[in-house]
Protein backbone atom coordinates (compact mmCIF):
# COMPACT_ATOMS: atom_id res chain seq x y z
CA MET A 1 39.06 -1.55 -9.11
CA ALA A 2 38.32 -2.46 -5.47
CA LEU A 3 36.88 -5.80 -6.56
CA SER A 4 39.99 -6.70 -8.57
CA LYS A 5 42.16 -6.02 -5.50
CA LEU A 6 40.07 -8.43 -3.47
CA PHE A 7 40.32 -11.08 -6.19
CA SER A 8 44.10 -10.86 -5.79
CA GLY A 9 43.80 -12.61 -2.40
CA ARG A 10 45.46 -9.86 -0.37
CA THR A 11 44.19 -9.00 3.10
CA ARG A 12 43.16 -5.35 3.41
CA THR A 13 43.15 -3.50 6.73
CA HIS A 14 41.52 -0.15 7.46
CA SER A 15 42.03 2.04 10.54
CA PRO A 16 42.07 5.78 11.34
CA GLY A 17 45.15 7.97 11.10
CA PHE A 18 47.53 8.61 13.98
CA LEU A 19 45.81 11.75 15.29
CA ALA A 20 42.34 10.19 15.10
CA ARG A 21 43.54 7.19 17.12
CA LEU A 22 44.20 9.53 20.05
CA PHE A 23 40.42 9.90 20.49
CA PRO A 24 38.12 7.13 21.78
CA SER A 25 36.07 7.09 18.55
CA GLY A 26 39.22 6.39 16.52
CA LYS A 27 40.23 3.19 18.28
CA TRP A 28 39.10 0.60 15.76
CA LYS A 29 40.47 -1.64 13.01
CA LEU A 30 38.59 -3.43 10.23
CA THR A 31 40.07 -6.37 8.29
CA LEU A 32 38.88 -7.81 4.97
CA ASP A 33 40.45 -11.24 4.60
CA PRO A 34 39.62 -13.24 1.43
CA ARG A 35 40.53 -16.42 3.34
CA LEU A 36 37.44 -15.78 5.51
CA PRO A 37 34.72 -15.40 2.89
CA GLY A 38 31.53 -13.82 4.10
CA ARG A 39 33.11 -12.54 7.32
CA ILE A 40 34.41 -9.07 8.17
CA ARG A 41 36.61 -8.75 11.25
CA LEU A 42 36.14 -5.62 13.37
CA SER A 43 38.09 -4.63 16.46
CA GLN A 44 36.32 -1.80 18.29
CA GLY A 45 36.19 -2.18 22.05
CA GLY A 46 36.37 -5.92 21.44
CA ASP A 47 36.68 -8.33 18.53
CA ALA A 48 33.66 -9.14 16.35
CA GLU A 49 32.90 -10.78 13.04
CA LEU A 50 30.21 -9.32 10.77
CA ASN A 51 28.35 -11.68 8.47
CA CYS A 52 28.13 -10.26 4.95
CA LEU A 53 24.58 -11.57 4.52
CA ASP A 54 23.50 -9.63 7.62
CA ILE A 55 24.82 -6.25 6.44
CA VAL A 56 22.01 -4.17 4.95
CA SER A 57 23.61 -0.76 4.28
CA ILE A 58 26.92 1.09 4.16
CA SER A 59 26.97 4.89 4.26
CA THR A 60 29.43 7.74 4.81
CA SER A 61 28.91 11.04 6.59
CA GLN A 62 31.01 14.08 7.41
CA ALA A 63 31.37 15.64 10.87
CA LEU A 64 33.28 18.74 11.90
CA LEU A 65 36.74 17.14 11.72
CA TRP A 66 36.37 13.61 10.38
CA HIS A 67 34.36 11.44 8.07
CA THR A 68 32.49 8.39 9.38
CA VAL A 69 31.52 5.11 7.72
CA GLU A 70 28.39 3.53 9.16
CA ILE A 71 27.76 -0.20 8.76
CA ARG A 72 24.20 -1.29 9.47
CA ALA A 73 23.60 -4.98 10.02
CA ARG A 74 20.76 -7.00 11.44
CA GLY A 75 20.91 -6.46 15.18
CA ARG A 76 23.76 -3.94 15.29
CA THR A 77 25.17 -0.69 13.86
CA ASP A 78 28.88 0.17 13.81
CA SER A 79 30.25 3.68 13.23
CA LEU A 80 33.87 3.90 12.08
CA ALA A 81 35.00 7.48 12.66
CA GLY A 82 38.26 9.39 12.35
CA LEU A 83 38.67 9.07 8.56
CA THR A 84 39.51 11.54 5.84
CA GLY A 85 37.12 11.87 2.94
CA VAL A 86 39.31 9.72 0.68
CA SER A 87 39.81 7.07 3.37
CA ALA A 88 36.08 6.88 4.06
CA GLY A 89 35.33 6.47 0.36
CA ASN A 90 37.96 3.75 -0.02
CA LEU A 91 36.64 1.87 3.02
CA ALA A 92 33.03 1.99 1.79
CA SER A 93 34.14 0.88 -1.69
CA ASP A 94 36.19 -2.02 -0.33
CA LEU A 95 33.32 -3.14 1.89
CA CYS A 96 30.87 -3.18 -1.01
CA ALA A 97 33.36 -5.03 -3.21
CA PHE A 98 34.12 -7.60 -0.50
CA ILE A 99 30.43 -8.26 0.12
CA ASN A 100 29.64 -8.54 -3.59
CA HIS A 101 32.56 -10.91 -4.15
CA TYR A 102 31.05 -13.21 -1.53
CA LEU A 103 27.54 -12.87 -2.99
CA PHE A 104 28.80 -13.79 -6.46
CA GLU A 105 30.49 -16.90 -5.05
CA LEU A 106 27.20 -18.00 -3.49
CA ILE A 107 25.29 -17.40 -6.72
CA GLY A 108 27.85 -19.33 -8.77
CA THR A 109 28.01 -22.37 -6.49
CA GLU A 110 24.28 -22.98 -5.83
CA THR A 111 23.12 -23.50 -9.41
CA GLY A 112 20.32 -25.83 -8.32
CA HIS A 113 18.46 -23.09 -6.49
CA LEU A 114 18.89 -20.71 -9.43
CA LEU A 115 16.36 -22.75 -11.42
CA GLU A 116 13.79 -22.23 -8.68
CA VAL A 117 14.55 -18.51 -8.60
CA ASP A 118 14.10 -18.46 -12.38
CA ALA A 119 10.67 -20.07 -12.00
CA ARG A 120 9.59 -17.48 -9.40
CA LEU A 121 10.77 -14.58 -11.56
CA ARG A 122 9.00 -15.91 -14.65
CA ALA A 123 5.82 -16.40 -12.64
CA ILE A 124 5.56 -12.68 -11.86
CA THR A 125 6.91 -11.32 -15.16
CA GLU A 126 5.26 -13.48 -17.82
CA GLY A 127 2.11 -11.98 -19.23
CA ASN A 128 2.98 -8.45 -18.13
CA ARG A 129 0.24 -8.56 -15.47
CA GLN A 130 1.56 -6.08 -12.89
CA TYR A 131 3.79 -3.08 -12.33
CA LEU A 132 7.06 -4.36 -10.84
CA ALA A 133 8.96 -2.59 -8.09
CA GLN A 134 12.36 -3.78 -6.93
CA ALA A 135 10.69 -4.94 -3.72
CA ASP A 136 8.40 -7.25 -5.73
CA LEU A 137 11.42 -9.03 -7.18
CA GLY A 138 13.05 -9.21 -3.76
CA ARG A 139 9.97 -10.82 -2.20
CA ALA A 140 9.72 -13.38 -4.99
CA ILE A 141 13.39 -14.35 -4.61
CA ALA A 142 13.32 -14.35 -0.80
CA SER A 143 10.68 -17.11 -0.87
CA VAL A 144 13.28 -19.50 -2.36
CA PRO A 145 15.46 -21.34 0.17
CA GLY A 146 19.24 -21.39 -0.04
CA SER A 147 22.13 -18.96 0.12
CA ALA A 148 22.01 -18.12 -3.60
CA ALA A 149 18.50 -16.71 -3.25
CA ALA A 150 19.60 -14.72 -0.20
CA ALA A 151 22.53 -13.35 -2.21
CA LEU A 152 20.28 -12.35 -5.14
CA SER A 153 17.90 -10.48 -2.83
CA HIS A 154 20.70 -8.84 -0.82
CA PRO A 155 20.24 -5.02 -0.65
CA LEU A 156 23.94 -4.39 -1.46
CA LEU A 157 24.10 -6.65 -4.54
CA ASP A 158 25.59 -4.60 -7.38
CA PRO A 159 25.00 -6.16 -10.83
CA GLN A 160 27.60 -3.82 -12.32
CA MET A 161 30.31 -5.66 -10.36
CA MET A 162 29.16 -9.11 -11.46
CA PRO A 163 31.76 -10.98 -13.58
CA ALA A 164 30.76 -11.30 -17.23
CA GLY A 165 31.03 -15.10 -17.15
CA LEU A 166 28.63 -15.42 -14.21
CA LYS A 167 26.18 -12.94 -15.71
CA ALA A 168 26.14 -14.84 -19.02
CA SER A 169 25.44 -18.15 -17.25
CA LEU A 170 22.27 -16.88 -15.54
CA PRO A 171 18.81 -17.60 -17.01
CA ALA A 172 17.18 -14.93 -19.17
CA SER A 173 14.71 -13.93 -16.44
CA PHE A 174 17.62 -12.73 -14.28
CA ALA A 175 17.93 -9.71 -16.57
CA MET A 176 15.37 -8.09 -14.25
CA LEU A 177 18.10 -8.17 -11.59
CA THR A 178 21.29 -7.67 -13.59
CA ASP A 179 20.14 -5.19 -16.26
CA PRO A 180 18.98 -1.81 -14.88
CA GLY A 181 16.97 -1.10 -18.03
CA ALA A 182 15.08 -4.41 -18.16
CA ARG A 183 12.63 -3.65 -15.35
CA HIS A 184 12.13 -0.10 -16.63
CA ALA A 185 11.26 -1.37 -20.12
CA TYR A 186 8.91 -3.98 -18.62
CA ASN A 187 7.07 -1.34 -16.56
CA GLU A 188 6.80 1.03 -19.53
CA ALA A 189 5.19 -1.73 -21.58
CA PHE A 190 2.79 -2.52 -18.72
CA VAL A 191 1.71 1.11 -18.33
CA SER A 192 1.16 1.46 -22.08
CA SER A 193 -1.00 -1.67 -22.23
CA GLU A 194 -3.08 -0.63 -19.20
CA LEU A 195 -3.61 2.88 -20.57
CA LEU A 196 -4.88 1.34 -23.80
CA LYS A 197 -7.16 -1.04 -21.89
CA PHE A 198 -8.74 1.80 -19.87
CA ARG A 199 -8.64 4.47 -22.57
CA PRO A 200 -12.39 5.30 -22.23
CA PHE A 201 -11.89 6.30 -18.60
CA PHE A 202 -8.89 8.51 -19.28
CA ASP A 203 -10.41 10.01 -22.41
CA ASP A 204 -13.49 10.98 -20.42
CA SER A 205 -11.56 12.43 -17.49
CA THR A 206 -8.92 14.27 -19.52
CA GLY A 207 -10.68 15.05 -22.77
CA ALA A 208 -12.84 17.93 -23.90
CA ARG A 209 -14.57 18.36 -20.56
CA PHE A 210 -11.28 18.73 -18.72
CA PRO A 211 -8.49 19.72 -21.13
CA ILE A 212 -5.22 18.98 -19.33
CA SER A 213 -1.77 17.79 -20.29
CA ASN A 214 -1.16 14.35 -21.79
CA ALA A 215 1.21 13.54 -18.94
CA ARG A 216 -1.64 13.43 -16.39
CA PRO A 217 -3.09 10.01 -17.35
CA VAL A 218 0.32 8.34 -17.01
CA SER A 219 0.97 10.10 -13.71
CA ALA A 220 -2.48 9.19 -12.43
CA TRP A 221 -2.01 5.60 -13.53
CA ARG A 222 1.36 5.22 -11.80
CA THR A 223 0.01 6.80 -8.60
CA THR A 224 -3.44 5.21 -8.24
CA ILE A 225 -3.32 1.95 -10.20
CA CYS A 226 0.26 0.64 -10.39
CA SER A 227 0.65 0.84 -6.61
CA SER A 228 -2.24 -1.61 -6.14
CA PRO A 229 -1.62 -5.38 -6.11
CA PRO A 230 -2.75 -7.39 -9.15
CA PRO A 231 -6.10 -9.20 -8.99
CA GLY A 232 -5.98 -12.66 -7.50
CA PRO A 233 -7.38 -14.79 -4.68
CA ALA A 234 -6.54 -12.08 -2.15
CA ASN A 235 -7.69 -9.25 -4.45
CA PRO A 236 -10.58 -10.54 -6.59
CA GLN A 237 -11.57 -7.11 -7.91
CA PRO A 238 -10.36 -6.18 -11.42
CA TRP A 239 -8.37 -3.02 -12.09
CA SER A 240 -11.47 -1.13 -13.25
CA ALA A 241 -13.23 -1.75 -9.93
CA ARG A 242 -10.33 -0.09 -8.12
CA LEU A 243 -10.25 3.13 -10.14
CA PRO A 244 -10.50 6.22 -7.88
CA MET A 245 -14.17 6.90 -7.16
CA SER A 246 -16.41 8.82 -4.78
CA TRP A 247 -20.09 8.66 -3.94
CA LYS A 248 -22.36 11.67 -3.83
CA SER A 249 -25.92 11.94 -2.61
CA SER A 250 -28.75 13.24 -4.75
CA SER A 251 -32.54 13.17 -4.76
CA THR A 252 -32.51 9.96 -6.79
CA GLY A 253 -30.03 8.14 -4.56
CA PRO A 254 -26.26 7.68 -4.54
CA THR A 255 -24.48 8.09 -7.86
CA ARG A 256 -20.88 7.25 -8.64
CA SER A 257 -18.44 9.80 -10.06
CA TYR A 258 -14.75 9.45 -10.77
CA LEU A 259 -12.31 11.57 -8.81
CA TRP A 260 -9.23 13.29 -10.12
CA PRO A 261 -5.83 11.65 -9.50
CA SER A 262 -4.31 11.79 -6.06
CA THR A 263 -2.85 14.95 -4.58
CA ARG A 264 0.65 13.72 -5.40
CA ALA A 265 -0.21 13.26 -9.05
CA ARG A 266 -1.91 16.67 -9.21
CA ARG A 267 1.13 18.40 -7.76
CA MET A 268 3.38 16.70 -10.30
CA ASN A 269 1.42 18.07 -13.25
CA SER A 270 -0.19 21.29 -12.05
CA GLY A 271 0.74 24.91 -12.40
CA PRO A 272 -0.17 27.96 -10.31
CA GLY A 273 -3.89 28.40 -9.96
CA LEU A 274 -4.75 25.13 -11.63
CA HIS A 275 -6.16 23.49 -8.48
CA ASP A 276 -9.06 25.97 -8.24
CA SER A 277 -9.83 25.47 -11.91
CA LEU A 278 -9.88 21.70 -11.49
CA ARG A 279 -12.18 21.93 -8.48
CA SER A 280 -14.71 24.08 -10.33
CA ARG A 281 -14.62 21.81 -13.39
CA LYS A 282 -15.09 18.74 -11.23
CA ALA A 283 -18.05 20.37 -9.48
CA ARG A 284 -19.70 21.17 -12.85
CA TRP A 285 -19.09 17.61 -14.06
CA ASN A 286 -20.60 16.07 -10.91
CA ALA A 287 -23.59 18.41 -11.12
CA ALA A 288 -24.17 17.49 -14.76
CA SER A 289 -23.97 13.75 -14.05
């Protein structure tokens, strides 16, 4: 709804109520003018213009009497206090809509750079070679010059607000950015393929010797393997060489034995008293090997 109001071309002004303006923290006014795309005017102890591309977060908080909207940008932070809960929510919503409107304009006008972004996205998604976090996509897009790439990697970009016509005109690889389920499905397929590739390891560490839940291999994989970068010039070791391992000394020299998943993974899948049981089983396994 806030985005449709901004499309109407009307200037929207936000300021605290009469009582709040009696206090120093309530002396501010923020203006969203569609005739100044990408700029937000703020009067608070002086006039300033905030660049939409520089804004990294918008949040609301509640104090004893008033609500506050905090705008974090590169190099500055502005706190707009003296608002009711409804007014703070409306201001945050209008700010996000105004910023996204500008981002969509940049994406729609710089079609030439979109092809380069498409090439970068396909380079990291084709072949299902790595587990993708949102930061991985952001880094790949940020390496492309131009305002469209900056808009696509903007932390406040909301694909749900994107007009249907613009979304339909984007290359297929952009589904990783515009469809919340696309990256999840990609990562699920990656985890399944990697579990199948390293089934002997997980069968040995979670099979008859150590009967535990089926959820542990997936949790261990997400915690210890998916967080590592894929093999390449900077990381020549394969996945199997980076499985969790420890060395123990014996009369015949050092021998290698696999460790259990990280503490975080154990806590996610353990019950009361299970840690002691795992330690004793691990000790028996290491002694037998």
